[in-house]
Structures are given as structure tokens and as C-alpha cells.
Amino acid sequence: MLTDAEIDHIAKLARLDLDHAHKEKFKKELSLILGYIEKLNEVDTAGVEPLYQVTGLQNVTRPDEHRGDFVLDDKLAEYLITQAPMHQDGLIKVKTVKNK
């Protein structure tokens, strides 16, 4: 079972403000998911070839090109940048993610 401190840490990383009821709910649900993964790790997969995909499809993504949905002018770009919690000189600032 995950600890309260671990749930607080995960919520902080995800920028979620959880009340006590939600923390308990997520603690239970995430613990069940991690428990299931531990069960899967017990399965003997020696000699089983890795399976990367099952459809046989290749190169199914569309090309990355401007579709003309909207015009990104300087005014719109500035507006979008200012929606970020922290910004400076037309760039979005983010906090450093530290591993404990």
C-alpha cells in the first residue's frame, strides 16, 4: 500500500490539489494497480519473444504540417505564453524536477 507521503508526492508532481477523500481513493486505486503490476512481474517470461505491436501497420501517423486551422501571430503567441503559471521573455518557465 502506498503511503500518504507517496500520494502527496505524486499529486505534487501531477499538480493536483487533492482533499483527504480523494487522497484515500487514489491511494487505494494506485496501490491496486501497482499490486497488479507486481503480479505480472511474477510471470515467467523466459523464452518469450517481445511483442512490440500486433496490427502490422507501419507509418500511420500524419505528416506534421500546418493545416491552417488558425493563424499564430505574435499577439496569439503572447496570449498563449501568458497562460502558463510562470513565463519570462516569451518563454514558459518550469520548475526543476528533482529525484529523491
PDB file of N, CA and C in Angstrom:
ATOM      1  N   MET A   1       0.856  -1.184   0.000  1.00  0.00           N
ATOM      2  CA  MET A   1       0.000   0.000   0.000  1.00  0.00           C
ATOM      3  C   MET A   1       0.895   1.236   0.000  1.00  0.00           C
ATOM      4  N   LEU A   2       0.560   2.181  -0.855  1.00  0.00           N
ATOM      5  CA  LEU A   2       1.303   3.427  -0.905  1.00  0.00           C
ATOM      6  C   LEU A   2       1.091   4.215   0.387  1.00  0.00           C
ATOM      7  N   THR A   3       2.081   4.995   0.745  1.00  0.00           N
ATOM      8  CA  THR A   3       1.978   5.826   1.942  1.00  0.00           C
ATOM      9  C   THR A   3       1.339   7.170   1.598  1.00  0.00           C
ATOM     10  N   ASP A   4       0.916   7.886   2.609  1.00  0.00           N
ATOM     11  CA  ASP A   4       0.370   9.226   2.402  1.00  0.00           C
ATOM     12  C   ASP A   4       1.417  10.139   1.774  1.00  0.00           C
ATOM     13  N   ALA A   5       2.664   9.993   2.196  1.00  0.00           N
ATOM     14  CA  ALA A   5       3.737  10.820   1.652  1.00  0.00           C
ATOM     15  C   ALA A   5       3.935  10.554   0.165  1.00  0.00           C
ATOM     16  N   GLU A   6       3.836   9.286  -0.248  1.00  0.00           N
ATOM     17  CA  GLU A   6       3.983   8.963  -1.670  1.00  0.00           C
ATOM     18  C   GLU A   6       2.830   9.535  -2.487  1.00  0.00           C
ATOM     19  N   ILE A   7       1.614   9.458  -1.953  1.00  0.00           N
ATOM     20  CA  ILE A   7       0.456  10.037  -2.645  1.00  0.00           C
ATOM     21  C   ILE A   7       0.615  11.550  -2.746  1.00  0.00           C
ATOM     22  N   ASP A   8       1.077  12.194  -1.679  1.00  0.00           N
ATOM     23  CA  ASP A   8       1.311  13.638  -1.708  1.00  0.00           C
ATOM     24  C   ASP A   8       2.347  13.991  -2.769  1.00  0.00           C
ATOM     25  N   HIS A   9       3.406  13.186  -2.857  1.00  0.00           N
ATOM     26  CA  HIS A   9       4.474  13.434  -3.826  1.00  0.00           C
ATOM     27  C   HIS A   9       3.946  13.283  -5.258  1.00  0.00           C
ATOM     28  N   ILE A  10       3.179  12.229  -5.519  1.00  0.00           N
ATOM     29  CA  ILE A  10       2.606  12.003  -6.850  1.00  0.00           C
ATOM     30  C   ILE A  10       1.655  13.146  -7.205  1.00  0.00           C
ATOM     31  N   ALA A  11       0.828  13.560  -6.261  1.00  0.00           N
ATOM     32  CA  ALA A  11      -0.109  14.659  -6.500  1.00  0.00           C
ATOM     33  C   ALA A  11       0.640  15.953  -6.804  1.00  0.00           C
ATOM     34  N   LYS A  12       1.726  16.186  -6.097  1.00  0.00           N
ATOM     35  CA  LYS A  12       2.520  17.393  -6.334  1.00  0.00           C
ATOM     36  C   LYS A  12       3.126  17.363  -7.733  1.00  0.00           C
ATOM     37  N   LEU A  13       3.670  16.202  -8.137  1.00  0.00           N
ATOM     38  CA  LEU A  13       4.257  16.084  -9.468  1.00  0.00           C
ATOM     39  C   LEU A  13       3.209  16.306 -10.555  1.00  0.00           C
ATOM     40  N   ALA A  14       1.977  15.851 -10.296  1.00  0.00           N
ATOM     41  CA  ALA A  14       0.892  15.991 -11.267  1.00  0.00           C
ATOM     42  C   ALA A  14       0.163  17.325 -11.111  1.00  0.00           C
ATOM     43  N   ARG A  15       0.607  18.123 -10.165  1.00  0.00           N
ATOM     44  CA  ARG A  15      -0.010  19.423  -9.865  1.00  0.00           C
ATOM     45  C   ARG A  15      -1.499  19.279  -9.563  1.00  0.00           C
ATOM     46  N   LEU A  16      -1.795  18.281  -8.720  1.00  0.00           N
ATOM     47  CA  LEU A  16      -3.171  18.044  -8.286  1.00  0.00           C
ATOM     48  C   LEU A  16      -3.322  18.487  -6.838  1.00  0.00           C
ATOM     49  N   ASP A  17      -4.391  19.179  -6.559  1.00  0.00           N
ATOM     50  CA  ASP A  17      -4.712  19.573  -5.196  1.00  0.00           C
ATOM     51  C   ASP A  17      -5.816  18.643  -4.718  1.00  0.00           C
ATOM     52  N   LEU A  18      -5.441  17.611  -3.962  1.00  0.00           N
ATOM     53  CA  LEU A  18      -6.400  16.585  -3.552  1.00  0.00           C
ATOM     54  C   LEU A  18      -6.839  16.791  -2.110  1.00  0.00           C
ATOM     55  N   ASP A  19      -8.136  16.650  -1.871  1.00  0.00           N
ATOM     56  CA  ASP A  19      -8.617  16.663  -0.493  1.00  0.00           C
ATOM     57  C   ASP A  19      -8.414  15.265   0.095  1.00  0.00           C
ATOM     58  N   HIS A  20      -8.719  15.117   1.366  1.00  0.00           N
ATOM     59  CA  HIS A  20      -8.453  13.851   2.059  1.00  0.00           C
ATOM     60  C   HIS A  20      -9.174  12.673   1.403  1.00  0.00           C
ATOM     61  N   ALA A  21     -10.434  12.862   1.022  1.00  0.00           N
ATOM     62  CA  ALA A  21     -11.205  11.771   0.418  1.00  0.00           C
ATOM     63  C   ALA A  21     -10.585  11.303  -0.892  1.00  0.00           C
ATOM     64  N   HIS A  22     -10.151  12.251  -1.724  1.00  0.00           N
ATOM     65  CA  HIS A  22      -9.528  11.883  -2.998  1.00  0.00           C
ATOM     66  C   HIS A  22      -8.171  11.229  -2.774  1.00  0.00           C
ATOM     67  N   LYS A  23      -7.424  11.706  -1.784  1.00  0.00           N
ATOM     68  CA  LYS A  23      -6.129  11.076  -1.483  1.00  0.00           C
ATOM     69  C   LYS A  23      -6.324   9.603  -1.111  1.00  0.00           C
ATOM     70  N   GLU A  24      -7.322   9.329  -0.297  1.00  0.00           N
ATOM     71  CA  GLU A  24      -7.589   7.952   0.106  1.00  0.00           C
ATOM     72  C   GLU A  24      -8.031   7.109  -1.090  1.00  0.00           C
ATOM     73  N   LYS A  25      -8.856   7.683  -1.941  1.00  0.00           N
ATOM     74  CA  LYS A  25      -9.325   6.968  -3.129  1.00  0.00           C
ATOM     75  C   LYS A  25      -8.145   6.627  -4.037  1.00  0.00           C
ATOM     76  N   PHE A  26      -7.293   7.620  -4.323  1.00  0.00           N
ATOM     77  CA  PHE A  26      -6.157   7.392  -5.209  1.00  0.00           C
ATOM     78  C   PHE A  26      -5.125   6.469  -4.570  1.00  0.00           C
ATOM     79  N   LYS A  27      -4.980   6.566  -3.265  1.00  0.00           N
ATOM     80  CA  LYS A  27      -4.051   5.662  -2.572  1.00  0.00           C
ATOM     81  C   LYS A  27      -4.476   4.215  -2.796  1.00  0.00           C
ATOM     82  N   LYS A  28      -5.768   3.951  -2.637  1.00  0.00           N
ATOM     83  CA  LYS A  28      -6.294   2.589  -2.814  1.00  0.00           C
ATOM     84  C   LYS A  28      -6.160   2.142  -4.269  1.00  0.00           C
ATOM     85  N   GLU A  29      -6.582   3.005  -5.207  1.00  0.00           N
ATOM     86  CA  GLU A  29      -6.573   2.642  -6.619  1.00  0.00           C
ATOM     87  C   GLU A  29      -5.146   2.443  -7.145  1.00  0.00           C
ATOM     88  N   LEU A  30      -4.238   3.361  -6.823  1.00  0.00           N
ATOM     89  CA  LEU A  30      -2.856   3.235  -7.290  1.00  0.00           C
ATOM     90  C   LEU A  30      -2.176   2.022  -6.666  1.00  0.00           C
ATOM     91  N   SER A  31      -2.489   1.732  -5.418  1.00  0.00           N
ATOM     92  CA  SER A  31      -1.916   0.552  -4.763  1.00  0.00           C
ATOM     93  C   SER A  31      -2.390  -0.728  -5.458  1.00  0.00           C
ATOM     94  N   LEU A  32      -3.674  -0.769  -5.851  1.00  0.00           N
ATOM     95  CA  LEU A  32      -4.196  -1.934  -6.576  1.00  0.00           C
ATOM     96  C   LEU A  32      -3.503  -2.091  -7.930  1.00  0.00           C
ATOM     97  N   ILE A  33      -3.294  -0.987  -8.626  1.00  0.00           N
ATOM     98  CA  ILE A  33      -2.619  -1.040  -9.927  1.00  0.00           C
ATOM     99  C   ILE A  33      -1.193  -1.546  -9.765  1.00  0.00           C
ATOM    100  N   LEU A  34      -0.478  -0.993  -8.790  1.00  0.00           N
ATOM    101  CA  LEU A  34       0.901  -1.435  -8.568  1.00  0.00           C
ATOM    102  C   LEU A  34       0.954  -2.889  -8.117  1.00  0.00           C
ATOM    103  N   GLY A  35      -0.036  -3.321  -7.345  1.00  0.00           N
ATOM    104  CA  GLY A  35      -0.109  -4.723  -6.941  1.00  0.00           C
ATOM    105  C   GLY A  35      -0.304  -5.636  -8.139  1.00  0.00           C
ATOM    106  N   TYR A  36      -1.131  -5.203  -9.086  1.00  0.00           N
ATOM    107  CA  TYR A  36      -1.359  -5.984 -10.297  1.00  0.00           C
ATOM    108  C   TYR A  36      -0.070  -6.084 -11.112  1.00  0.00           C
ATOM    109  N   ILE A  37       0.658  -4.994 -11.203  1.00  0.00           N
ATOM    110  CA  ILE A  37       1.933  -4.997 -11.936  1.00  0.00           C
ATOM    111  C   ILE A  37       2.912  -5.950 -11.267  1.00  0.00           C
ATOM    112  N   GLU A  38       2.926  -5.980  -9.946  1.00  0.00           N
ATOM    113  CA  GLU A  38       3.798  -6.923  -9.233  1.00  0.00           C
ATOM    114  C   GLU A  38       3.424  -8.361  -9.575  1.00  0.00           C
ATOM    115  N   LYS A  39       2.134  -8.639  -9.684  1.00  0.00           N
ATOM    116  CA  LYS A  39       1.689  -9.983 -10.076  1.00  0.00           C
ATOM    117  C   LYS A  39       2.191 -10.326 -11.471  1.00  0.00           C
ATOM    118  N   LEU A  40       2.101  -9.367 -12.381  1.00  0.00           N
ATOM    119  CA  LEU A  40       2.591  -9.602 -13.737  1.00  0.00           C
ATOM    120  C   LEU A  40       4.093  -9.855 -13.754  1.00  0.00           C
ATOM    121  N   ASN A  41       4.821  -9.206 -12.865  1.00  0.00           N
ATOM    122  CA  ASN A  41       6.271  -9.394 -12.796  1.00  0.00           C
ATOM    123  C   ASN A  41       6.641 -10.795 -12.319  1.00  0.00           C
ATOM    124  N   GLU A  42       5.720 -11.498 -11.680  1.00  0.00           N
ATOM    125  CA  GLU A  42       5.978 -12.857 -11.203  1.00  0.00           C
ATOM    126  C   GLU A  42       5.889 -13.895 -12.321  1.00  0.00           C
ATOM    127  N   VAL A  43       5.278 -13.532 -13.442  1.00  0.00           N
ATOM    128  CA  VAL A  43       5.092 -14.469 -14.543  1.00  0.00           C
ATOM    129  C   VAL A  43       6.447 -14.764 -15.197  1.00  0.00           C
ATOM    130  N   ASP A  44       6.717 -16.054 -15.437  1.00  0.00           N
ATOM    131  CA  ASP A  44       7.953 -16.467 -16.083  1.00  0.00           C
ATOM    132  C   ASP A  44       7.833 -16.197 -17.584  1.00  0.00           C
ATOM    133  N   THR A  45       8.597 -15.237 -18.066  1.00  0.00           N
ATOM    134  CA  THR A  45       8.552 -14.883 -19.482  1.00  0.00           C
ATOM    135  C   THR A  45       9.842 -15.271 -20.199  1.00  0.00           C
ATOM    136  N   ALA A  46      10.637 -16.127 -19.570  1.00  0.00           N
ATOM    137  CA  ALA A  46      11.870 -16.579 -20.217  1.00  0.00           C
ATOM    138  C   ALA A  46      11.510 -17.313 -21.504  1.00  0.00           C
ATOM    139  N   GLY A  47      12.187 -16.988 -22.553  1.00  0.00           N
ATOM    140  CA  GLY A  47      11.939 -17.636 -23.831  1.00  0.00           C
ATOM    141  C   GLY A  47      10.786 -17.050 -24.630  1.00  0.00           C
ATOM    142  N   VAL A  48      10.133 -16.027 -24.111  1.00  0.00           N
ATOM    143  CA  VAL A  48       9.035 -15.387 -24.833  1.00  0.00           C
ATOM    144  C   VAL A  48       9.589 -14.180 -25.576  1.00  0.00           C
ATOM    145  N   GLU A  49       9.383 -14.152 -26.868  1.00  0.00           N
ATOM    146  CA  GLU A  49       9.862 -13.032 -27.678  1.00  0.00           C
ATOM    147  C   GLU A  49       9.054 -11.772 -27.364  1.00  0.00           C
ATOM    148  N   PRO A  50       9.702 -10.622 -27.296  1.00  0.00           N
ATOM    149  CA  PRO A  50       8.965  -9.376 -27.065  1.00  0.00           C
ATOM    150  C   PRO A  50       7.997  -9.093 -28.212  1.00  0.00           C
ATOM    151  N   LEU A  51       6.829  -8.556 -27.881  1.00  0.00           N
ATOM    152  CA  LEU A  51       5.827  -8.199 -28.869  1.00  0.00           C
ATOM    153  C   LEU A  51       5.683  -6.685 -28.836  1.00  0.00           C
ATOM    154  N   TYR A  52       6.046  -6.056 -29.928  1.00  0.00           N
ATOM    155  CA  TYR A  52       6.046  -4.597 -29.945  1.00  0.00           C
ATOM    156  C   TYR A  52       4.735  -4.012 -30.444  1.00  0.00           C
ATOM    157  N   GLN A  53       4.085  -4.693 -31.366  1.00  0.00           N
ATOM    158  CA  GLN A  53       2.777  -4.247 -31.834  1.00  0.00           C
ATOM    159  C   GLN A  53       2.119  -5.410 -32.546  1.00  0.00           C
ATOM    160  N   VAL A  54       0.799  -5.378 -32.656  1.00  0.00           N
ATOM    161  CA  VAL A  54       0.076  -6.538 -33.175  1.00  0.00           C
ATOM    162  C   VAL A  54      -0.684  -6.266 -34.473  1.00  0.00           C
ATOM    163  N   THR A  55      -0.727  -5.019 -34.915  1.00  0.00           N
ATOM    164  CA  THR A  55      -1.550  -4.709 -36.077  1.00  0.00           C
ATOM    165  C   THR A  55      -0.828  -4.902 -37.401  1.00  0.00           C
ATOM    166  N   GLY A  56       0.497  -4.817 -37.398  1.00  0.00           N
ATOM    167  CA  GLY A  56       1.250  -4.895 -38.646  1.00  0.00           C
ATOM    168  C   GLY A  56       1.284  -3.579 -39.398  1.00  0.00           C
ATOM    169  N   LEU A  57       0.603  -2.560 -38.885  1.00  0.00           N
ATOM    170  CA  LEU A  57       0.593  -1.256 -39.552  1.00  0.00           C
ATOM    171  C   LEU A  57       1.921  -0.548 -39.352  1.00  0.00           C
ATOM    172  N   GLN A  58       2.315   0.201 -40.355  1.00  0.00           N
ATOM    173  CA  GLN A  58       3.541   0.981 -40.261  1.00  0.00           C
ATOM    174  C   GLN A  58       3.276   2.389 -40.775  1.00  0.00           C
ATOM    175  N   ASN A  59       3.948   3.359 -40.177  1.00  0.00           N
ATOM    176  CA  ASN A  59       3.880   4.746 -40.642  1.00  0.00           C
ATOM    177  C   ASN A  59       2.445   5.241 -40.791  1.00  0.00           C
ATOM    178  N   VAL A  60       1.667   5.114 -39.736  1.00  0.00           N
ATOM    179  CA  VAL A  60       0.264   5.506 -39.801  1.00  0.00           C
ATOM    180  C   VAL A  60       0.025   6.919 -39.263  1.00  0.00           C
ATOM    181  N   THR A  61       1.077   7.634 -38.921  1.00  0.00           N
ATOM    182  CA  THR A  61       0.893   8.991 -38.420  1.00  0.00           C
ATOM    183  C   THR A  61       0.839   9.962 -39.591  1.00  0.00           C
ATOM    184  N   ARG A  62       0.109  11.020 -39.399  1.00  0.00           N
ATOM    185  CA  ARG A  62       0.010  12.021 -40.454  1.00  0.00           C
ATOM    186  C   ARG A  62       1.270  12.880 -40.440  1.00  0.00           C
ATOM    187  N   PRO A  63       1.598  13.489 -41.540  1.00  0.00           N
ATOM    188  CA  PRO A  63       2.775  14.374 -41.554  1.00  0.00           C
ATOM    189  C   PRO A  63       2.520  15.587 -40.657  1.00  0.00           C
ATOM    190  N   ASP A  64       3.559  16.096 -40.050  1.00  0.00           N
ATOM    191  CA  ASP A  64       3.467  17.256 -39.165  1.00  0.00           C
ATOM    192  C   ASP A  64       3.534  18.517 -40.020  1.00  0.00           C
ATOM    193  N   GLU A  65       2.376  18.992 -40.400  1.00  0.00           N
ATOM    194  CA  GLU A  65       2.340  20.188 -41.240  1.00  0.00           C
ATOM    195  C   GLU A  65       1.196  21.090 -40.791  1.00  0.00           C
ATOM    196  N   HIS A  66       1.367  22.370 -41.042  1.00  0.00           N
ATOM    197  CA  HIS A  66       0.362  23.351 -40.647  1.00  0.00           C
ATOM    198  C   HIS A  66      -0.890  23.170 -41.504  1.00  0.00           C
ATOM    199  N   ARG A  67      -2.046  23.030 -40.834  1.00  0.00           N
ATOM    200  CA  ARG A  67      -3.303  22.796 -41.540  1.00  0.00           C
ATOM    201  C   ARG A  67      -4.101  24.072 -41.762  1.00  0.00           C
ATOM    202  N   GLY A  68      -3.605  25.190 -41.258  1.00  0.00           N
ATOM    203  CA  GLY A  68      -4.306  26.455 -41.458  1.00  0.00           C
ATOM    204  C   GLY A  68      -5.526  26.625 -40.580  1.00  0.00           C
ATOM    205  N   ASP A  69      -5.609  25.886 -39.470  1.00  0.00           N
ATOM    206  CA  ASP A  69      -6.760  25.994 -38.567  1.00  0.00           C
ATOM    207  C   ASP A  69      -6.851  27.382 -37.934  1.00  0.00           C
ATOM    208  N   PHE A  70      -5.694  27.966 -37.648  1.00  0.00           N
ATOM    209  CA  PHE A  70      -5.646  29.301 -37.069  1.00  0.00           C
ATOM    210  C   PHE A  70      -4.300  29.919 -37.421  1.00  0.00           C
ATOM    211  N   VAL A  71      -4.252  31.221 -37.342  1.00  0.00           N
ATOM    212  CA  VAL A  71      -3.009  31.932 -37.631  1.00  0.00           C
ATOM    213  C   VAL A  71      -2.331  32.250 -36.306  1.00  0.00           C
ATOM    214  N   LEU A  72      -1.104  31.770 -36.146  1.00  0.00           N
ATOM    215  CA  LEU A  72      -0.350  32.030 -34.923  1.00  0.00           C
ATOM    216  C   LEU A  72       0.471  33.296 -35.130  1.00  0.00           C
ATOM    217  N   ASP A  73      -0.147  34.420 -34.797  1.00  0.00           N
ATOM    218  CA  ASP A  73       0.575  35.679 -34.901  1.00  0.00           C
ATOM    219  C   ASP A  73       1.203  36.018 -33.552  1.00  0.00           C
ATOM    220  N   ASP A  74       1.922  37.119 -33.485  1.00  0.00           N
ATOM    221  CA  ASP A  74       2.622  37.499 -32.253  1.00  0.00           C
ATOM    222  C   ASP A  74       1.656  37.703 -31.090  1.00  0.00           C
ATOM    223  N   LYS A  75       0.485  38.276 -31.363  1.00  0.00           N
ATOM    224  CA  LYS A  75      -0.490  38.531 -30.303  1.00  0.00           C
ATOM    225  C   LYS A  75      -1.000  37.211 -29.706  1.00  0.00           C
ATOM    226  N   LEU A  76      -1.341  36.240 -30.548  1.00  0.00           N
ATOM    227  CA  LEU A  76      -1.822  34.947 -30.071  1.00  0.00           C
ATOM    228  C   LEU A  76      -0.709  34.196 -29.346  1.00  0.00           C
ATOM    229  N   ALA A  77       0.500  34.242 -29.873  1.00  0.00           N
ATOM    230  CA  ALA A  77       1.624  33.561 -29.227  1.00  0.00           C
ATOM    231  C   ALA A  77       1.859  34.133 -27.833  1.00  0.00           C
ATOM    232  N   GLU A  78       1.821  35.458 -27.705  1.00  0.00           N
ATOM    233  CA  GLU A  78       1.995  36.088 -26.393  1.00  0.00           C
ATOM    234  C   GLU A  78       0.873  35.686 -25.446  1.00  0.00           C
ATOM    235  N   TYR A  79      -0.364  35.656 -25.938  1.00  0.00           N
ATOM    236  CA  TYR A  79      -1.503  35.256 -25.113  1.00  0.00           C
ATOM    237  C   TYR A  79      -1.332  33.826 -24.605  1.00  0.00           C
ATOM    238  N   LEU A  80      -0.937  32.924 -25.486  1.00  0.00           N
ATOM    239  CA  LEU A  80      -0.761  31.525 -25.091  1.00  0.00           C
ATOM    240  C   LEU A  80       0.352  31.377 -24.054  1.00  0.00           C
ATOM    241  N   ILE A  81       1.458  32.075 -24.245  1.00  0.00           N
ATOM    242  CA  ILE A  81       2.575  32.010 -23.292  1.00  0.00           C
ATOM    243  C   ILE A  81       2.138  32.528 -21.927  1.00  0.00           C
ATOM    244  N   THR A  82       1.342  33.585 -21.894  1.00  0.00           N
ATOM    245  CA  THR A  82       0.930  34.162 -20.607  1.00  0.00           C
ATOM    246  C   THR A  82      -0.051  33.281 -19.848  1.00  0.00           C
ATOM    247  N   GLN A  83      -0.582  32.235 -20.486  1.00  0.00           N
ATOM    248  CA  GLN A  83      -1.482  31.307 -19.797  1.00  0.00           C
ATOM    249  C   GLN A  83      -0.718  30.351 -18.886  1.00  0.00           C
ATOM    250  N   ALA A  84       0.591  30.223 -19.085  1.00  0.00           N
ATOM    251  CA  ALA A  84       1.412  29.346 -18.254  1.00  0.00           C
ATOM    252  C   ALA A  84       1.570  29.970 -16.870  1.00  0.00           C
ATOM    253  N   PRO A  85       1.692  29.127 -15.824  1.00  0.00           N
ATOM    254  CA  PRO A  85       1.843  29.667 -14.465  1.00  0.00           C
ATOM    255  C   PRO A  85       3.073  30.565 -14.320  1.00  0.00           C
ATOM    256  N   MET A  86       4.160  30.226 -15.009  1.00  0.00           N
ATOM    257  CA  MET A  86       5.380  31.042 -14.950  1.00  0.00           C
ATOM    258  C   MET A  86       5.881  31.243 -16.377  1.00  0.00           C
ATOM    259  N   HIS A  87       6.202  32.482 -16.708  1.00  0.00           N
ATOM    260  CA  HIS A  87       6.739  32.772 -18.036  1.00  0.00           C
ATOM    261  C   HIS A  87       7.672  33.973 -17.935  1.00  0.00           C
ATOM    262  N   GLN A  88       8.602  34.032 -18.871  1.00  0.00           N
ATOM    263  CA  GLN A  88       9.568  35.129 -18.865  1.00  0.00           C
ATOM    264  C   GLN A  88      10.136  35.271 -20.267  1.00  0.00           C
ATOM    265  N   ASP A  89      10.190  36.491 -20.766  1.00  0.00           N
ATOM    266  CA  ASP A  89      10.779  36.805 -22.071  1.00  0.00           C
ATOM    267  C   ASP A  89      10.208  35.947 -23.193  1.00  0.00           C
ATOM    268  N   GLY A  90       8.901  35.709 -23.165  1.00  0.00           N
ATOM    269  CA  GLY A  90       8.253  34.958 -24.228  1.00  0.00           C
ATOM    270  C   GLY A  90       8.449  33.452 -24.157  1.00  0.00           C
ATOM    271  N   LEU A  91       8.965  32.978 -23.034  1.00  0.00           N
ATOM    272  CA  LEU A  91       9.188  31.546 -22.853  1.00  0.00           C
ATOM    273  C   LEU A  91       8.439  31.062 -21.613  1.00  0.00           C
ATOM    274  N   ILE A  92       8.077  29.787 -21.608  1.00  0.00           N
ATOM    275  CA  ILE A  92       7.430  29.182 -20.448  1.00  0.00           C
ATOM    276  C   ILE A  92       8.508  28.673 -19.511  1.00  0.00           C
ATOM    277  N   LYS A  93       8.430  29.077 -18.243  1.00  0.00           N
ATOM    278  CA  LYS A  93       9.380  28.599 -17.236  1.00  0.00           C
ATOM    279  C   LYS A  93       8.754  27.428 -16.498  1.00  0.00           C
ATOM    280  N   VAL A  94       9.563  26.428 -16.226  1.00  0.00           N
ATOM    281  CA  VAL A  94       9.106  25.269 -15.462  1.00  0.00           C
ATOM    282  C   VAL A  94      10.061  25.019 -14.315  1.00  0.00           C
ATOM    283  N   LYS A  95       9.545  24.410 -13.255  1.00  0.00           N
ATOM    284  CA  LYS A  95      10.369  24.084 -12.116  1.00  0.00           C
ATOM    285  C   LYS A  95      11.206  22.860 -12.423  1.00  0.00           C
ATOM    286  N   THR A  96      12.350  22.769 -11.783  1.00  0.00           N
ATOM    287  CA  THR A  96      13.206  21.608 -11.926  1.00  0.00           C
ATOM    288  C   THR A  96      12.558  20.425 -11.225  1.00  0.00           C
ATOM    289  N   VAL A  97      12.561  19.277 -11.868  1.00  0.00           N
ATOM    290  CA  VAL A  97      12.043  18.058 -11.262  1.00  0.00           C
ATOM    291  C   VAL A  97      13.224  17.348 -10.628  1.00  0.00           C
ATOM    292  N   LYS A  98      13.154  17.134  -9.311  1.00  0.00           N
ATOM    293  CA  LYS A  98      14.254  16.518  -8.587  1.00  0.00           C
ATOM    294  C   LYS A  98      13.852  15.106  -8.174  1.00  0.00           C
ATOM    295  N   ASN A  99      14.758  14.185  -8.346  1.00  0.00           N
ATOM    296  CA  ASN A  99      14.550  12.823  -7.845  1.00  0.00           C
ATOM    297  C   ASN A  99      15.029  12.767  -6.411  1.00  0.00           C
ATOM    298  N   LYS A 100      14.267  12.063  -5.593  1.00  0.00           N
ATOM    299  CA  LYS A 100      14.679  11.940  -4.194  1.00  0.00           C
ATOM    300  C   LYS A 100      15.418  10.672  -4.007  1.00  0.00           C
TER     301      LYS A 100
END
